[in-house]
Amino acid sequence: MKTTIDIADNILTRSRELARREHRTLRELVEEGLRLVTTDREKDRRSPVRPVTFKGKGLSPRFAHASWDRIREAAYEGRGA
């Protein structure tokens, strides 16, 4: 797709020099820049993962002072492992 944009002279000059040094086209640099900006902004829009919490009074008395190994064993009890 073709479009026309106004670019500040100093940015255009620096971009052309960079494109020449890297043996790329100005179009490739513009597309790369837009891709980076849009990807970065899309990341910002994603909703953060919220931790899952449960109301209660902590561990049951059975596990109040148990090790993580004991808690894990209880979680897998009766599952054939």
C-alpha atoms as a PDB file:
ATOM      1  CA  MET A   1       0.000   0.000   0.000  1.00  0.00           C
ATOM      2  CA  LYS A   2       1.269   3.455  -0.759  1.00  0.00           C
ATOM      3  CA  THR A   3       0.901   6.455   1.503  1.00  0.00           C
ATOM      4  CA  THR A   4       2.518   9.842   2.017  1.00  0.00           C
ATOM      5  CA  ILE A   5       3.921  10.983   5.346  1.00  0.00           C
ATOM      6  CA  ASP A   6       5.828  14.050   6.538  1.00  0.00           C
ATOM      7  CA  ILE A   7       9.068  13.206   8.316  1.00  0.00           C
ATOM      8  CA  ALA A   8      11.364  15.669  10.069  1.00  0.00           C
ATOM      9  CA  ASP A   9      14.417  16.416   7.908  1.00  0.00           C
ATOM     10  CA  ASN A  10      16.963  15.245  10.482  1.00  0.00           C
ATOM     11  CA  ILE A  11      15.169  11.923  10.998  1.00  0.00           C
ATOM     12  CA  LEU A  12      14.889  11.347   7.271  1.00  0.00           C
ATOM     13  CA  THR A  13      18.588  12.144   6.731  1.00  0.00           C
ATOM     14  CA  ARG A  14      19.709   9.839   9.534  1.00  0.00           C
ATOM     15  CA  SER A  15      17.350   7.092   8.339  1.00  0.00           C
ATOM     16  CA  ARG A  16      18.658   7.253   4.774  1.00  0.00           C
ATOM     17  CA  GLU A  17      22.243   7.049   6.033  1.00  0.00           C
ATOM     18  CA  LEU A  18      21.387   4.055   8.209  1.00  0.00           C
ATOM     19  CA  ALA A  19      19.608   2.326   5.336  1.00  0.00           C
ATOM     20  CA  ARG A  20      22.630   2.877   3.098  1.00  0.00           C
ATOM     21  CA  ARG A  21      25.065   1.515   5.723  1.00  0.00           C
ATOM     22  CA  GLU A  22      22.917  -1.563   6.296  1.00  0.00           C
ATOM     23  CA  HIS A  23      22.186  -2.101   2.591  1.00  0.00           C
ATOM     24  CA  ARG A  24      18.463  -1.792   3.232  1.00  0.00           C
ATOM     25  CA  THR A  25      15.716   0.385   1.875  1.00  0.00           C
ATOM     26  CA  LEU A  26      14.121   3.277   3.690  1.00  0.00           C
ATOM     27  CA  ARG A  27      10.844   1.393   3.374  1.00  0.00           C
ATOM     28  CA  GLU A  28      12.312  -1.559   5.285  1.00  0.00           C
ATOM     29  CA  LEU A  29      13.435   0.731   8.110  1.00  0.00           C
ATOM     30  CA  VAL A  30      10.039   2.464   8.301  1.00  0.00           C
ATOM     31  CA  GLU A  31       8.220  -0.885   8.383  1.00  0.00           C
ATOM     32  CA  GLU A  32      10.572  -2.218  11.056  1.00  0.00           C
ATOM     33  CA  GLY A  33      10.058   0.894  13.178  1.00  0.00           C
ATOM     34  CA  LEU A  34       6.294   0.752  12.882  1.00  0.00           C
ATOM     35  CA  ARG A  35       6.342  -2.978  13.664  1.00  0.00           C
ATOM     36  CA  LEU A  36       8.388  -2.370  16.815  1.00  0.00           C
ATOM     37  CA  VAL A  37       6.124   0.436  18.013  1.00  0.00           C
ATOM     38  CA  THR A  38       2.876  -1.404  17.351  1.00  0.00           C
ATOM     39  CA  THR A  39       4.129  -4.618  18.974  1.00  0.00           C
ATOM     40  CA  ASP A  40       5.342  -2.711  22.022  1.00  0.00           C
ATOM     41  CA  ARG A  41       2.055  -0.837  22.391  1.00  0.00           C
ATOM     42  CA  GLU A  42       0.017  -4.014  21.954  1.00  0.00           C
ATOM     43  CA  LYS A  43       1.946  -5.563  24.849  1.00  0.00           C
ATOM     44  CA  ASP A  44       0.966  -2.601  27.023  1.00  0.00           C
ATOM     45  CA  ARG A  45      -2.723  -3.140  26.212  1.00  0.00           C
ATOM     46  CA  ARG A  46      -2.789  -6.764  27.319  1.00  0.00           C
ATOM     47  CA  SER A  47      -4.466  -7.193  30.654  1.00  0.00           C
ATOM     48  CA  PRO A  48      -2.171  -8.331  33.451  1.00  0.00           C
ATOM     49  CA  VAL A  49      -2.596 -11.767  34.955  1.00  0.00           C
ATOM     50  CA  ARG A  50      -4.331 -11.479  38.270  1.00  0.00           C
ATOM     51  CA  PRO A  51      -3.325 -13.847  41.045  1.00  0.00           C
ATOM     52  CA  VAL A  52      -5.914 -16.363  42.150  1.00  0.00           C
ATOM     53  CA  THR A  53      -6.677 -16.085  45.829  1.00  0.00           C
ATOM     54  CA  PHE A  54      -9.145 -17.783  48.103  1.00  0.00           C
ATOM     55  CA  LYS A  55     -10.737 -16.472  51.240  1.00  0.00           C
ATOM     56  CA  GLY A  56     -10.063 -18.578  54.252  1.00  0.00           C
ATOM     57  CA  LYS A  57      -7.950 -19.012  57.317  1.00  0.00           C
ATOM     58  CA  GLY A  58      -4.837 -20.471  55.763  1.00  0.00           C
ATOM     59  CA  LEU A  59      -3.826 -24.103  55.798  1.00  0.00           C
ATOM     60  CA  SER A  60      -5.918 -26.660  57.593  1.00  0.00           C
ATOM     61  CA  PRO A  61      -4.498 -27.787  60.944  1.00  0.00           C
ATOM     62  CA  ARG A  62      -3.365 -31.034  59.251  1.00  0.00           C
ATOM     63  CA  PHE A  63      -0.924 -29.043  57.085  1.00  0.00           C
ATOM     64  CA  ALA A  64      -0.206 -26.012  59.267  1.00  0.00           C
ATOM     65  CA  HIS A  65       3.373 -27.111  59.962  1.00  0.00           C
ATOM     66  CA  ALA A  66       3.843 -29.600  57.122  1.00  0.00           C
ATOM     67  CA  SER A  67       6.695 -29.411  54.633  1.00  0.00           C
ATOM     68  CA  TRP A  68       6.034 -28.672  50.976  1.00  0.00           C
ATOM     69  CA  ASP A  69       6.916 -32.297  50.223  1.00  0.00           C
ATOM     70  CA  ARG A  70       4.133 -33.498  52.557  1.00  0.00           C
ATOM     71  CA  ILE A  71       1.634 -31.059  51.066  1.00  0.00           C
ATOM     72  CA  ARG A  72       2.568 -32.187  47.537  1.00  0.00           C
ATOM     73  CA  GLU A  73       2.232 -35.866  48.534  1.00  0.00           C
ATOM     74  CA  ALA A  74      -1.247 -35.185  49.889  1.00  0.00           C
ATOM     75  CA  ALA A  75      -2.228 -33.402  46.684  1.00  0.00           C
ATOM     76  CA  TYR A  76      -1.371 -36.505  44.651  1.00  0.00           C
ATOM     77  CA  GLU A  77      -2.727 -39.138  47.092  1.00  0.00           C
ATOM     78  CA  GLY A  78      -4.980 -41.633  45.344  1.00  0.00           C
ATOM     79  CA  ARG A  79      -3.922 -40.569  41.860  1.00  0.00           C
ATOM     80  CA  GLY A  80      -1.827 -43.654  41.135  1.00  0.00           C
ATOM     81  CA  ALA A  81       1.495 -41.894  41.034  1.00  0.00           C
END
